[in-house]
Structures are given as C-alpha cells and as structure tokens.
Amino acid sequence: MAVSLEHIHSQLRPQLDELNRIITTTLTSGSELTNNIVSNYLKCKGKMLRPIVTLLSAKFFGGINEKALQGAAAIEMLHNASLIHDDVIDEAQERRGLPTINSVWSNHVAVLVGDFFVTGALRCGVATGDGRILSALADMGRDLSLGEIDQVDIARNHNIDEATYMEIIRAKTASLFECCAAVGGYANNAPQTAIDELRRYTRLLGICFQIKDDTFDYYNDPIIGKPTGNDLREGKVTLPLIYALNRTDLPEHDEMLALVNKESPTSEDIDRLIEFAKRAGGIDYAYETMKRLRDEANDVLMPYSPDETVDQFREIFDYVIERKL
C-alpha cells in the first residue's frame, strides 16, 4: 500500500490550520500586487513536509506550542523563498503544475517576492522570543546557501565523488530538516543531547529526500514539472550517475566519463548518460542507499518507547522513499 502524508495531515489538522494562518497573516501587506502574488503562490503550496517535521519534533519533546508554530512558519517561508529564487536561477516556467512567479511577473519581481518571504521568516523567528531558534534559523540559511554555492562550484569541474555529493545535499537540503528538529526541541526547552539525536534522524531524512528528488531527473514525468536530465544540463552529477561512473568494469565507462567532462554536453549526450546510469544500476543503488539511511534513522529512534509521534516519524521516512513527486 502506498505511503501517504494524509494520515499525519489529518492528525495535525488544527495545528496546520493555525500554522497557515500565521503564514498568511505574516505575509499580508499594504501592497496589492504583493498580496495578489503571495495569495496565488500559497494556493499551490506543497506537502508542507518541513513544518510537519517541526511540529512532530515539538510533539516528540513535549508538545506543540506557539514557539513551535512560529518557528515552523519561519522554516516554511525560508524554504519557499529558496524555491522562488531557484525558479529564477533555473528559468523555470512551472512549479507543481502551475506557472512560476518569474514566468508570470518577471525575474525582478520574483526575487523581490522571495526576499519578502525571507523577511516574513525573520518576523516569525523574532516572534518566538528565543535566541536559540533564531540562531538555528540563521545556521540553516547559511548551510543552505553554501551548499548551493558549493554545488555550482563543483559543477564547473564536472567531477564529484559520493562523499562530496553527500556533504552538498546535507548542507543544501538536510540542513532544513535538522533545523526542524532543533526548533521543536528549543520550543520545549529539551536537553541539547536529545535535540542532537533527533537532528541526526532528520539529517538522514533530509539526505534521503534529496537522493529521491535527484532520481526524478532520470525519468520524464510532467507532474514533477522538471525536464529529464535537467541536473546534468546544469553540470550537476547526482548519485545514480556517480555510482555508474565508479563502475570501471563497464566497457563504456571511459566514454561516459568523457561525456560528463564535456564543456557543453548535447541533449543526445545527456540522454546517453541517463541511460548509462540506469543500465549500470545507478537507480537501484540510490534506492539501496535510501533504505540504508532509513535503517540508520530507525536505530536513532530505537531507544524511545513506541508511540504515535515515533510511528509518524517512521511513516514520514517511508513516504520520502516512496513518494512520486
């Protein structure tokens, strides 16, 4: 049976409704244009996975309170700011099946709206009244930015190993999930050692999330709204191809390595690299890696007595591996 977030959504419905109210109120301004753009954007929000992880972290440490709600809202707004800016960088025309802000209004407007989301996140961070939460948000923003910059830098060299890939996705993706655990813990004044343990769990979850996201690049799915091979066009080599290129036993290895190192690979080159990664077992290896990460994450939860929140954390990990978009 397919794993869905709907069960968790239903259990957190009152808190998620309050979270959405905080976000909407925070992002409401005296600018009619801004309100129009923000309102339309929020209508197509995703699964809200990061705020859910924040709220579950708060439940894990004692309960969902105002601090946790404000912190979760800040994380969600920072996440959406990064998506809006990413759409500008990628010149994306659609996200979640709907036109992007930059495609409708211009890159200039999209960047400013992304910045407006950042200011909203700062306001919610201040509203927690907790310097530790503000520090966690700042550290997360720093890691996210540096992870993206490192990815661009490495893409220029057309060369990356698995350890470097893992560190990049830890910074650019898992840092958000780690921040969720920290905010939930600080909102309940949990011991730092316990927060660090849950951060380890959410770090593994975030790394797994990005690996799964990267596998979508190897298949043409209009629902995802991302063309096949888009990462490779940008010079980003992800886990399936990294694994395939490590298989020096394959006769086409040297030829495929040369294609990766080309300054401007053609569409045909990219298609060949994608098929090579699949044929060499790269997708299977990515799934094996995700399952290993899930086993490591389950070990983190092992000392805790089974309860609804622990079960929900496990359910989220299964969802991340099995999700279709």
C-alpha atoms as a PDB file:
ATOM      1  CA  MET A   1       0.000   0.000   0.000  1.00  0.00           C
ATOM      2  CA  ALA A   2       1.349   3.430  -0.980  1.00  0.00           C
ATOM      3  CA  VAL A   3       2.518   5.608   1.882  1.00  0.00           C
ATOM      4  CA  SER A   4       0.773   8.987   2.127  1.00  0.00           C
ATOM      5  CA  LEU A   5       1.061  12.035   4.367  1.00  0.00           C
ATOM      6  CA  GLU A   6      -2.722  12.382   4.553  1.00  0.00           C
ATOM      7  CA  HIS A   7      -2.914  10.404   7.798  1.00  0.00           C
ATOM      8  CA  ILE A   8      -0.439  12.716   9.519  1.00  0.00           C
ATOM      9  CA  HIS A   9      -2.082  15.770   7.956  1.00  0.00           C
ATOM     10  CA  SER A  10      -5.413  14.752   9.466  1.00  0.00           C
ATOM     11  CA  GLN A  11      -3.889  14.228  12.908  1.00  0.00           C
ATOM     12  CA  LEU A  12      -2.228  17.657  12.835  1.00  0.00           C
ATOM     13  CA  ARG A  13      -5.075  19.495  11.095  1.00  0.00           C
ATOM     14  CA  PRO A  14      -5.794  22.119  13.829  1.00  0.00           C
ATOM     15  CA  GLN A  15      -2.102  22.943  14.234  1.00  0.00           C
ATOM     16  CA  LEU A  16      -1.504  23.084  10.458  1.00  0.00           C
ATOM     17  CA  ASP A  17      -4.510  25.379  10.069  1.00  0.00           C
ATOM     18  CA  GLU A  18      -3.033  27.691  12.710  1.00  0.00           C
ATOM     19  CA  LEU A  19       0.364  27.499  11.004  1.00  0.00           C
ATOM     20  CA  ASN A  20      -1.180  28.532   7.670  1.00  0.00           C
ATOM     21  CA  ARG A  21      -2.978  31.384   9.412  1.00  0.00           C
ATOM     22  CA  ILE A  22       0.340  32.634  10.823  1.00  0.00           C
ATOM     23  CA  ILE A  23       1.991  32.466   7.388  1.00  0.00           C
ATOM     24  CA  THR A  24      -0.900  34.246   5.658  1.00  0.00           C
ATOM     25  CA  THR A  25      -1.076  36.970   8.313  1.00  0.00           C
ATOM     26  CA  THR A  26       2.689  37.476   8.307  1.00  0.00           C
ATOM     27  CA  LEU A  27       2.812  37.802   4.517  1.00  0.00           C
ATOM     28  CA  THR A  28      -0.142  40.182   4.243  1.00  0.00           C
ATOM     29  CA  SER A  29       0.962  43.714   3.422  1.00  0.00           C
ATOM     30  CA  GLY A  30      -0.289  47.058   2.182  1.00  0.00           C
ATOM     31  CA  SER A  31       0.862  46.223  -1.351  1.00  0.00           C
ATOM     32  CA  GLU A  32      -1.984  44.973  -3.539  1.00  0.00           C
ATOM     33  CA  LEU A  33       0.435  43.448  -6.054  1.00  0.00           C
ATOM     34  CA  THR A  34       2.394  41.611  -3.353  1.00  0.00           C
ATOM     35  CA  ASN A  35      -0.795  40.307  -1.732  1.00  0.00           C
ATOM     36  CA  ASN A  36      -2.044  39.059  -5.101  1.00  0.00           C
ATOM     37  CA  ILE A  37       1.193  37.240  -5.930  1.00  0.00           C
ATOM     38  CA  VAL A  38       1.612  35.771  -2.435  1.00  0.00           C
ATOM     39  CA  SER A  39      -2.023  34.658  -2.269  1.00  0.00           C
ATOM     40  CA  ASN A  40      -1.782  32.841  -5.597  1.00  0.00           C
ATOM     41  CA  TYR A  41       1.523  31.274  -4.625  1.00  0.00           C
ATOM     42  CA  LEU A  42       0.237  29.955  -1.301  1.00  0.00           C
ATOM     43  CA  LYS A  43      -2.698  28.271  -3.047  1.00  0.00           C
ATOM     44  CA  CYS A  44      -0.278  25.783  -4.614  1.00  0.00           C
ATOM     45  CA  LYS A  45       1.871  25.027  -1.577  1.00  0.00           C
ATOM     46  CA  GLY A  46       3.313  21.538  -1.427  1.00  0.00           C
ATOM     47  CA  LYS A  47       3.017  18.797   1.178  1.00  0.00           C
ATOM     48  CA  MET A  48       4.360  21.089   3.943  1.00  0.00           C
ATOM     49  CA  LEU A  49       6.757  18.325   4.944  1.00  0.00           C
ATOM     50  CA  ARG A  50       9.182  20.589   6.793  1.00  0.00           C
ATOM     51  CA  PRO A  51       6.574  22.264   9.021  1.00  0.00           C
ATOM     52  CA  ILE A  52       5.132  18.813   9.738  1.00  0.00           C
ATOM     53  CA  VAL A  53       8.581  17.594  10.844  1.00  0.00           C
ATOM     54  CA  THR A  54       8.893  20.698  13.052  1.00  0.00           C
ATOM     55  CA  LEU A  55       5.507  20.082  14.689  1.00  0.00           C
ATOM     56  CA  LEU A  56       6.273  16.388  15.201  1.00  0.00           C
ATOM     57  CA  SER A  57       9.604  17.348  16.756  1.00  0.00           C
ATOM     58  CA  ALA A  58       7.751  19.628  19.170  1.00  0.00           C
ATOM     59  CA  LYS A  59       5.330  16.772  19.997  1.00  0.00           C
ATOM     60  CA  PHE A  60       8.319  14.475  20.489  1.00  0.00           C
ATOM     61  CA  PHE A  61       9.769  16.860  23.092  1.00  0.00           C
ATOM     62  CA  GLY A  62       6.593  17.722  24.952  1.00  0.00           C
ATOM     63  CA  GLY A  63       4.006  19.493  22.842  1.00  0.00           C
ATOM     64  CA  ILE A  64       3.159  21.885  20.016  1.00  0.00           C
ATOM     65  CA  ASN A  65       3.149  25.418  21.388  1.00  0.00           C
ATOM     66  CA  GLU A  66       3.246  28.971  19.989  1.00  0.00           C
ATOM     67  CA  LYS A  67       7.043  28.932  19.747  1.00  0.00           C
ATOM     68  CA  ALA A  68       6.941  25.764  17.653  1.00  0.00           C
ATOM     69  CA  LEU A  69       4.226  27.171  15.377  1.00  0.00           C
ATOM     70  CA  GLN A  70       6.109  30.429  14.773  1.00  0.00           C
ATOM     71  CA  GLY A  71       9.351  28.518  14.183  1.00  0.00           C
ATOM     72  CA  ALA A  72       7.651  26.117  11.765  1.00  0.00           C
ATOM     73  CA  ALA A  73       6.183  29.083   9.873  1.00  0.00           C
ATOM     74  CA  ALA A  74       9.654  30.654   9.635  1.00  0.00           C
ATOM     75  CA  ILE A  75      11.155  27.438   8.226  1.00  0.00           C
ATOM     76  CA  GLU A  76       8.364  27.080   5.661  1.00  0.00           C
ATOM     77  CA  MET A  77       8.744  30.680   4.491  1.00  0.00           C
ATOM     78  CA  LEU A  78      12.532  30.341   4.174  1.00  0.00           C
ATOM     79  CA  HIS A  79      12.056  27.124   2.237  1.00  0.00           C
ATOM     80  CA  ASN A  80       9.593  28.791  -0.137  1.00  0.00           C
ATOM     81  CA  ALA A  81      11.886  31.790  -0.553  1.00  0.00           C
ATOM     82  CA  SER A  82      14.612  29.408  -1.732  1.00  0.00           C
ATOM     83  CA  LEU A  83      12.200  27.764  -4.198  1.00  0.00           C
ATOM     84  CA  ILE A  84      11.136  31.125  -5.632  1.00  0.00           C
ATOM     85  CA  HIS A  85      14.770  32.134  -6.079  1.00  0.00           C
ATOM     86  CA  ASP A  86      15.624  28.709  -7.550  1.00  0.00           C
ATOM     87  CA  ASP A  87      12.916  29.186 -10.180  1.00  0.00           C
ATOM     88  CA  VAL A  88      14.583  32.432 -11.224  1.00  0.00           C
ATOM     89  CA  ILE A  89      18.011  30.795 -11.447  1.00  0.00           C
ATOM     90  CA  ASP A  90      16.649  27.789 -13.367  1.00  0.00           C
ATOM     91  CA  GLU A  91      14.368  29.955 -15.553  1.00  0.00           C
ATOM     92  CA  ALA A  92      11.598  27.544 -14.580  1.00  0.00           C
ATOM     93  CA  GLN A  93       8.200  28.104 -16.137  1.00  0.00           C
ATOM     94  CA  GLU A  94       6.190  25.839 -13.848  1.00  0.00           C
ATOM     95  CA  ARG A  95       6.257  24.543 -10.287  1.00  0.00           C
ATOM     96  CA  ARG A  96       3.752  21.957  -9.048  1.00  0.00           C
ATOM     97  CA  GLY A  97       1.966  22.227 -12.390  1.00  0.00           C
ATOM     98  CA  LEU A  98       1.338  25.985 -12.118  1.00  0.00           C
ATOM     99  CA  PRO A  99       3.178  28.996 -13.629  1.00  0.00           C
ATOM    100  CA  THR A 100       6.093  30.282 -11.555  1.00  0.00           C
ATOM    101  CA  ILE A 101       6.187  33.850 -10.272  1.00  0.00           C
ATOM    102  CA  ASN A 102       9.093  34.689 -12.578  1.00  0.00           C
ATOM    103  CA  SER A 103       7.268  33.344 -15.653  1.00  0.00           C
ATOM    104  CA  VAL A 104       4.199  35.490 -14.933  1.00  0.00           C
ATOM    105  CA  TRP A 105       5.695  38.674 -13.497  1.00  0.00           C
ATOM    106  CA  SER A 106       9.457  38.737 -14.294  1.00  0.00           C
ATOM    107  CA  ASN A 107      12.670  37.703 -12.560  1.00  0.00           C
ATOM    108  CA  HIS A 108      12.871  41.101 -10.868  1.00  0.00           C
ATOM    109  CA  VAL A 109       9.508  40.711  -9.156  1.00  0.00           C
ATOM    110  CA  ALA A 110      10.174  37.067  -8.251  1.00  0.00           C
ATOM    111  CA  VAL A 111      13.449  37.915  -6.490  1.00  0.00           C
ATOM    112  CA  LEU A 112      11.724  40.662  -4.508  1.00  0.00           C
ATOM    113  CA  VAL A 113       8.856  38.347  -3.528  1.00  0.00           C
ATOM    114  CA  GLY A 114      11.393  35.733  -2.422  1.00  0.00           C
ATOM    115  CA  ASP A 115      13.072  38.402  -0.304  1.00  0.00           C
ATOM    116  CA  PHE A 116       9.663  39.296   1.155  1.00  0.00           C
ATOM    117  CA  PHE A 117       9.246  35.669   2.253  1.00  0.00           C
ATOM    118  CA  VAL A 118      12.644  35.906   3.975  1.00  0.00           C
ATOM    119  CA  THR A 119      11.529  38.999   5.918  1.00  0.00           C
ATOM    120  CA  GLY A 120       8.374  37.118   6.940  1.00  0.00           C
ATOM    121  CA  ALA A 121      10.510  34.267   8.237  1.00  0.00           C
ATOM    122  CA  LEU A 122      12.607  36.721  10.248  1.00  0.00           C
ATOM    123  CA  ARG A 123       9.466  38.206  11.798  1.00  0.00           C
ATOM    124  CA  CYS A 124       8.264  34.752  12.866  1.00  0.00           C
ATOM    125  CA  GLY A 125      11.706  33.904  14.213  1.00  0.00           C
ATOM    126  CA  VAL A 126      11.653  37.062  16.346  1.00  0.00           C
ATOM    127  CA  ALA A 127       8.096  36.224  17.477  1.00  0.00           C
ATOM    128  CA  THR A 128       9.414  33.034  19.146  1.00  0.00           C
ATOM    129  CA  GLY A 129      11.364  35.228  21.561  1.00  0.00           C
ATOM    130  CA  ASP A 130      14.037  32.530  21.638  1.00  0.00           C
ATOM    131  CA  GLY A 131      17.573  33.358  20.534  1.00  0.00           C
ATOM    132  CA  ARG A 132      18.376  29.658  20.109  1.00  0.00           C
ATOM    133  CA  ILE A 133      15.640  29.330  17.478  1.00  0.00           C
ATOM    134  CA  LEU A 134      16.869  32.447  15.666  1.00  0.00           C
ATOM    135  CA  SER A 135      20.395  31.010  15.736  1.00  0.00           C
ATOM    136  CA  ALA A 136      19.163  27.686  14.329  1.00  0.00           C
ATOM    137  CA  LEU A 137      17.354  29.518  11.508  1.00  0.00           C
ATOM    138  CA  ALA A 138      20.462  31.577  10.733  1.00  0.00           C
ATOM    139  CA  ASP A 139      22.714  28.491  10.686  1.00  0.00           C
ATOM    140  CA  MET A 140      20.253  26.708   8.409  1.00  0.00           C
ATOM    141  CA  GLY A 141      20.165  29.636   5.966  1.00  0.00           C
ATOM    142  CA  ARG A 142      23.947  29.740   5.914  1.00  0.00           C
ATOM    143  CA  ASP A 143      24.280  25.998   5.258  1.00  0.00           C
ATOM    144  CA  LEU A 144      21.622  26.091   2.555  1.00  0.00           C
ATOM    145  CA  SER A 145      23.370  28.934   0.698  1.00  0.00           C
ATOM    146  CA  LEU A 146      26.844  27.430   0.992  1.00  0.00           C
ATOM    147  CA  GLY A 147      25.574  24.031  -0.147  1.00  0.00           C
ATOM    148  CA  GLU A 148      24.114  25.557  -3.307  1.00  0.00           C
ATOM    149  CA  ILE A 149      27.274  27.586  -3.970  1.00  0.00           C
ATOM    150  CA  ASP A 150      29.491  24.509  -3.498  1.00  0.00           C
ATOM    151  CA  GLN A 151      27.283  22.593  -5.925  1.00  0.00           C
ATOM    152  CA  VAL A 152      27.733  25.309  -8.556  1.00  0.00           C
ATOM    153  CA  ASP A 153      31.495  25.353  -7.968  1.00  0.00           C
ATOM    154  CA  ILE A 154      31.815  21.576  -8.274  1.00  0.00           C
ATOM    155  CA  ALA A 155      29.546  21.523 -11.343  1.00  0.00           C
ATOM    156  CA  ARG A 156      32.103  23.698 -13.129  1.00  0.00           C
ATOM    157  CA  ASN A 157      34.703  20.962 -12.656  1.00  0.00           C
ATOM    158  CA  HIS A 158      32.314  18.221 -13.880  1.00  0.00           C
ATOM    159  CA  ASN A 159      33.703  15.926 -11.217  1.00  0.00           C
ATOM    160  CA  ILE A 160      32.227  14.738  -7.938  1.00  0.00           C
ATOM    161  CA  ASP A 161      32.553  11.714  -5.684  1.00  0.00           C
ATOM    162  CA  GLU A 162      29.906  10.205  -3.423  1.00  0.00           C
ATOM    163  CA  ALA A 163      31.295  11.696  -0.200  1.00  0.00           C
ATOM    164  CA  THR A 164      31.270  15.217  -1.677  1.00  0.00           C
ATOM    165  CA  TYR A 165      27.768  14.690  -3.056  1.00  0.00           C
ATOM    166  CA  MET A 166      26.537  13.620   0.390  1.00  0.00           C
ATOM    167  CA  GLU A 167      28.049  16.686   2.050  1.00  0.00           C
ATOM    168  CA  ILE A 168      26.473  19.019  -0.517  1.00  0.00           C
ATOM    169  CA  ILE A 169      22.975  17.601  -0.058  1.00  0.00           C
ATOM    170  CA  ARG A 170      23.430  17.605   3.718  1.00  0.00           C
ATOM    171  CA  ALA A 171      24.019  21.355   3.524  1.00  0.00           C
ATOM    172  CA  LYS A 172      21.550  22.372   0.829  1.00  0.00           C
ATOM    173  CA  THR A 173      18.645  20.110   1.857  1.00  0.00           C
ATOM    174  CA  ALA A 174      19.153  18.233   5.121  1.00  0.00           C
ATOM    175  CA  SER A 175      20.022  21.441   6.983  1.00  0.00           C
ATOM    176  CA  LEU A 176      16.362  22.466   6.683  1.00  0.00           C
ATOM    177  CA  PHE A 177      15.211  19.202   8.253  1.00  0.00           C
ATOM    178  CA  GLU A 178      17.811  19.480  11.021  1.00  0.00           C
ATOM    179  CA  CYS A 179      16.510  22.949  11.795  1.00  0.00           C
ATOM    180  CA  CYS A 180      13.013  21.476  12.172  1.00  0.00           C
ATOM    181  CA  ALA A 181      14.261  19.176  14.941  1.00  0.00           C
ATOM    182  CA  ALA A 182      16.146  21.994  16.649  1.00  0.00           C
ATOM    183  CA  VAL A 183      13.142  24.353  16.631  1.00  0.00           C
ATOM    184  CA  GLY A 184      10.823  21.679  18.051  1.00  0.00           C
ATOM    185  CA  GLY A 185      13.332  20.941  20.782  1.00  0.00           C
ATOM    186  CA  TYR A 186      14.096  24.533  21.737  1.00  0.00           C
ATOM    187  CA  ALA A 187      10.380  25.343  21.807  1.00  0.00           C
ATOM    188  CA  ASN A 188      10.107  22.830  24.677  1.00  0.00           C
ATOM    189  CA  ASN A 189      13.480  23.514  26.334  1.00  0.00           C
ATOM    190  CA  ALA A 190      14.583  19.946  25.595  1.00  0.00           C
ATOM    191  CA  PRO A 191      18.110  18.823  26.575  1.00  0.00           C
ATOM    192  CA  GLN A 192      20.694  19.578  23.885  1.00  0.00           C
ATOM    193  CA  THR A 193      21.799  15.925  23.759  1.00  0.00           C
ATOM    194  CA  ALA A 194      18.244  14.829  22.928  1.00  0.00           C
ATOM    195  CA  ILE A 195      17.908  17.569  20.299  1.00  0.00           C
ATOM    196  CA  ASP A 196      21.182  16.469  18.701  1.00  0.00           C
ATOM    197  CA  GLU A 197      19.905  12.890  18.465  1.00  0.00           C
ATOM    198  CA  LEU A 198      16.709  13.964  16.707  1.00  0.00           C
ATOM    199  CA  ARG A 199      18.751  16.250  14.461  1.00  0.00           C
ATOM    200  CA  ARG A 200      20.679  13.149  13.404  1.00  0.00           C
ATOM    201  CA  TYR A 201      17.399  11.463  12.481  1.00  0.00           C
ATOM    202  CA  THR A 202      16.173  14.447  10.474  1.00  0.00           C
ATOM    203  CA  ARG A 203      19.580  14.836   8.795  1.00  0.00           C
ATOM    204  CA  LEU A 204      19.256  11.292   7.449  1.00  0.00           C
ATOM    205  CA  LEU A 205      15.680  12.067   6.412  1.00  0.00           C
ATOM    206  CA  GLY A 206      16.783  15.197   4.531  1.00  0.00           C
ATOM    207  CA  ILE A 207      19.618  13.423   2.739  1.00  0.00           C
ATOM    208  CA  CYS A 208      17.192  10.687   1.724  1.00  0.00           C
ATOM    209  CA  PHE A 209      14.707  13.316   0.495  1.00  0.00           C
ATOM    210  CA  GLN A 210      17.309  14.846  -1.840  1.00  0.00           C
ATOM    211  CA  ILE A 211      18.508  11.486  -3.171  1.00  0.00           C
ATOM    212  CA  LYS A 212      14.904  10.643  -4.080  1.00  0.00           C
ATOM    213  CA  ASP A 213      14.469  14.090  -5.639  1.00  0.00           C
ATOM    214  CA  ASP A 214      17.571  13.503  -7.754  1.00  0.00           C
ATOM    215  CA  THR A 215      16.236  10.200  -9.105  1.00  0.00           C
ATOM    216  CA  PHE A 216      13.330  12.121 -10.676  1.00  0.00           C
ATOM    217  CA  ASP A 217      15.849  13.679 -13.080  1.00  0.00           C
ATOM    218  CA  TYR A 218      16.260  10.296 -14.767  1.00  0.00           C
ATOM    219  CA  TYR A 219      12.602   9.994 -15.796  1.00  0.00           C
ATOM    220  CA  ASN A 220      10.284  12.165 -17.836  1.00  0.00           C
ATOM    221  CA  ASP A 221       7.275  12.990 -15.664  1.00  0.00           C
ATOM    222  CA  PRO A 222       5.190  16.104 -16.451  1.00  0.00           C
ATOM    223  CA  ILE A 223       3.686  16.048 -12.939  1.00  0.00           C
ATOM    224  CA  ILE A 224       7.088  16.798 -11.440  1.00  0.00           C
ATOM    225  CA  GLY A 225       7.490  19.707 -13.823  1.00  0.00           C
ATOM    226  CA  LYS A 226      11.215  19.149 -14.307  1.00  0.00           C
ATOM    227  CA  PRO A 227      12.614  18.029 -17.676  1.00  0.00           C
ATOM    228  CA  THR A 228      14.621  14.825 -17.814  1.00  0.00           C
ATOM    229  CA  GLY A 229      18.348  15.480 -17.483  1.00  0.00           C
ATOM    230  CA  ASN A 230      17.898  18.988 -16.111  1.00  0.00           C
ATOM    231  CA  ASP A 231      20.518  18.426 -13.402  1.00  0.00           C
ATOM    232  CA  LEU A 232      23.048  17.208 -15.958  1.00  0.00           C
ATOM    233  CA  ARG A 233      22.376  20.228 -18.157  1.00  0.00           C
ATOM    234  CA  GLU A 234      23.391  22.357 -15.178  1.00  0.00           C
ATOM    235  CA  GLY A 235      26.511  20.255 -14.627  1.00  0.00           C
ATOM    236  CA  LYS A 236      25.138  18.517 -11.511  1.00  0.00           C
ATOM    237  CA  VAL A 237      26.181  14.876 -11.237  1.00  0.00           C
ATOM    238  CA  THR A 238      23.928  13.019  -8.788  1.00  0.00           C
ATOM    239  CA  LEU A 239      24.115   9.655  -7.020  1.00  0.00           C
ATOM    240  CA  PRO A 240      22.852   7.291  -9.768  1.00  0.00           C
ATOM    241  CA  LEU A 241      25.433   8.570 -12.253  1.00  0.00           C
ATOM    242  CA  ILE A 242      28.172   8.832  -9.604  1.00  0.00           C
ATOM    243  CA  TYR A 243      27.667   5.125  -8.890  1.00  0.00           C
ATOM    244  CA  ALA A 244      27.645   4.251 -12.592  1.00  0.00           C
ATOM    245  CA  LEU A 245      30.860   6.187 -13.249  1.00  0.00           C
ATOM    246  CA  ASN A 246      32.556   4.283 -10.429  1.00  0.00           C
ATOM    247  CA  ARG A 247      31.947   1.051 -12.330  1.00  0.00           C
ATOM    248  CA  THR A 248      35.247   0.964 -14.192  1.00  0.00           C
ATOM    249  CA  ASP A 249      34.484  -2.635 -15.183  1.00  0.00           C
ATOM    250  CA  LEU A 250      31.925  -1.464 -17.750  1.00  0.00           C
ATOM    251  CA  PRO A 251      33.243  -1.198 -21.327  1.00  0.00           C
ATOM    252  CA  GLU A 252      31.608   2.206 -21.930  1.00  0.00           C
ATOM    253  CA  HIS A 253      32.997   3.721 -18.721  1.00  0.00           C
ATOM    254  CA  ASP A 254      35.705   5.892 -20.311  1.00  0.00           C
ATOM    255  CA  GLU A 255      33.364   7.152 -23.000  1.00  0.00           C
ATOM    256  CA  MET A 256      30.702   8.117 -20.430  1.00  0.00           C
ATOM    257  CA  LEU A 257      33.302   9.837 -18.246  1.00  0.00           C
ATOM    258  CA  ALA A 258      34.378  11.877 -21.249  1.00  0.00           C
ATOM    259  CA  LEU A 259      30.762  12.933 -21.849  1.00  0.00           C
ATOM    260  CA  VAL A 260      30.423  14.120 -18.244  1.00  0.00           C
ATOM    261  CA  ASN A 261      33.590  16.195 -18.623  1.00  0.00           C
ATOM    262  CA  LYS A 262      32.428  17.860 -21.848  1.00  0.00           C
ATOM    263  CA  GLU A 263      32.085  21.625 -21.517  1.00  0.00           C
ATOM    264  CA  SER A 264      28.681  21.697 -23.201  1.00  0.00           C
ATOM    265  CA  PRO A 265      27.059  18.251 -23.475  1.00  0.00           C
ATOM    266  CA  THR A 266      24.352  17.926 -26.109  1.00  0.00           C
ATOM    267  CA  SER A 267      20.846  16.617 -25.464  1.00  0.00           C
ATOM    268  CA  GLU A 268      21.969  13.343 -27.031  1.00  0.00           C
ATOM    269  CA  ASP A 269      24.943  13.189 -24.633  1.00  0.00           C
ATOM    270  CA  ILE A 270      22.640  13.718 -21.657  1.00  0.00           C
ATOM    271  CA  ASP A 271      20.222  11.025 -22.865  1.00  0.00           C
ATOM    272  CA  ARG A 272      23.114   8.591 -23.174  1.00  0.00           C
ATOM    273  CA  LEU A 273      24.373   9.399 -19.671  1.00  0.00           C
ATOM    274  CA  ILE A 274      20.897   8.883 -18.215  1.00  0.00           C
ATOM    275  CA  GLU A 275      20.509   5.510 -19.897  1.00  0.00           C
ATOM    276  CA  PHE A 276      24.029   4.539 -18.837  1.00  0.00           C
ATOM    277  CA  ALA A 277      23.242   5.362 -15.191  1.00  0.00           C
ATOM    278  CA  LYS A 278      20.088   3.228 -15.313  1.00  0.00           C
ATOM    279  CA  ARG A 279      21.771   0.338 -17.111  1.00  0.00           C
ATOM    280  CA  ALA A 280      24.690   0.334 -14.669  1.00  0.00           C
ATOM    281  CA  GLY A 281      22.362   0.006 -11.686  1.00  0.00           C
ATOM    282  CA  GLY A 282      22.546   3.619 -10.512  1.00  0.00           C
ATOM    283  CA  ILE A 283      18.843   3.919  -9.690  1.00  0.00           C
ATOM    284  CA  ASP A 284      18.905   0.631  -7.774  1.00  0.00           C
ATOM    285  CA  TYR A 285      21.944   1.849  -5.856  1.00  0.00           C
ATOM    286  CA  ALA A 286      20.142   5.094  -4.954  1.00  0.00           C
ATOM    287  CA  TYR A 287      17.225   3.094  -3.519  1.00  0.00           C
ATOM    288  CA  GLU A 288      19.587   0.807  -1.618  1.00  0.00           C
ATOM    289  CA  THR A 289      21.251   3.892  -0.151  1.00  0.00           C
ATOM    290  CA  MET A 290      17.900   5.365   0.897  1.00  0.00           C
ATOM    291  CA  LYS A 291      16.924   2.124   2.627  1.00  0.00           C
ATOM    292  CA  ARG A 292      20.277   2.057   4.438  1.00  0.00           C
ATOM    293  CA  LEU A 293      19.674   5.616   5.616  1.00  0.00           C
ATOM    294  CA  ARG A 294      16.229   4.587   6.844  1.00  0.00           C
ATOM    295  CA  ASP A 295      17.773   1.722   8.843  1.00  0.00           C
ATOM    296  CA  GLU A 296      20.256   4.159  10.419  1.00  0.00           C
ATOM    297  CA  ALA A 297      17.399   6.529  11.242  1.00  0.00           C
ATOM    298  CA  ASN A 298      15.363   3.729  12.844  1.00  0.00           C
ATOM    299  CA  ASP A 299      18.356   2.991  15.063  1.00  0.00           C
ATOM    300  CA  VAL A 300      18.152   6.579  16.348  1.00  0.00           C
ATOM    301  CA  LEU A 301      14.526   6.011  17.403  1.00  0.00           C
ATOM    302  CA  MET A 302      15.167   2.556  18.872  1.00  0.00           C
ATOM    303  CA  PRO A 303      15.743   3.718  22.487  1.00  0.00           C
ATOM    304  CA  TYR A 304      12.384   5.500  22.578  1.00  0.00           C
ATOM    305  CA  SER A 305       9.163   3.755  23.548  1.00  0.00           C
ATOM    306  CA  PRO A 306       6.779   3.297  20.601  1.00  0.00           C
ATOM    307  CA  ASP A 307       4.107   5.982  20.491  1.00  0.00           C
ATOM    308  CA  GLU A 308       2.141   7.980  17.929  1.00  0.00           C
ATOM    309  CA  THR A 309       4.930  10.505  17.256  1.00  0.00           C
ATOM    310  CA  VAL A 310       7.644   7.867  16.832  1.00  0.00           C
ATOM    311  CA  ASP A 311       5.369   5.983  14.429  1.00  0.00           C
ATOM    312  CA  GLN A 312       4.724   9.191  12.490  1.00  0.00           C
ATOM    313  CA  PHE A 313       8.446   9.863  12.097  1.00  0.00           C
ATOM    314  CA  ARG A 314       8.870   6.371  10.657  1.00  0.00           C
ATOM    315  CA  GLU A 315       5.867   6.912   8.396  1.00  0.00           C
ATOM    316  CA  ILE A 316       7.418  10.112   7.028  1.00  0.00           C
ATOM    317  CA  PHE A 317      10.657   8.309   6.181  1.00  0.00           C
ATOM    318  CA  ASP A 318       8.705   5.665   4.235  1.00  0.00           C
ATOM    319  CA  TYR A 319       6.810   8.425   2.442  1.00  0.00           C
ATOM    320  CA  VAL A 320      10.033  10.171   1.407  1.00  0.00           C
ATOM    321  CA  ILE A 321      11.356   6.990  -0.205  1.00  0.00           C
ATOM    322  CA  GLU A 322       8.099   6.046  -1.942  1.00  0.00           C
ATOM    323  CA  ARG A 323       6.794   9.488  -2.980  1.00  0.00           C
ATOM    324  CA  LYS A 324       6.051  10.124  -6.638  1.00  0.00           C
ATOM    325  CA  LEU A 325       6.788  13.887  -6.657  1.00  0.00           C
END
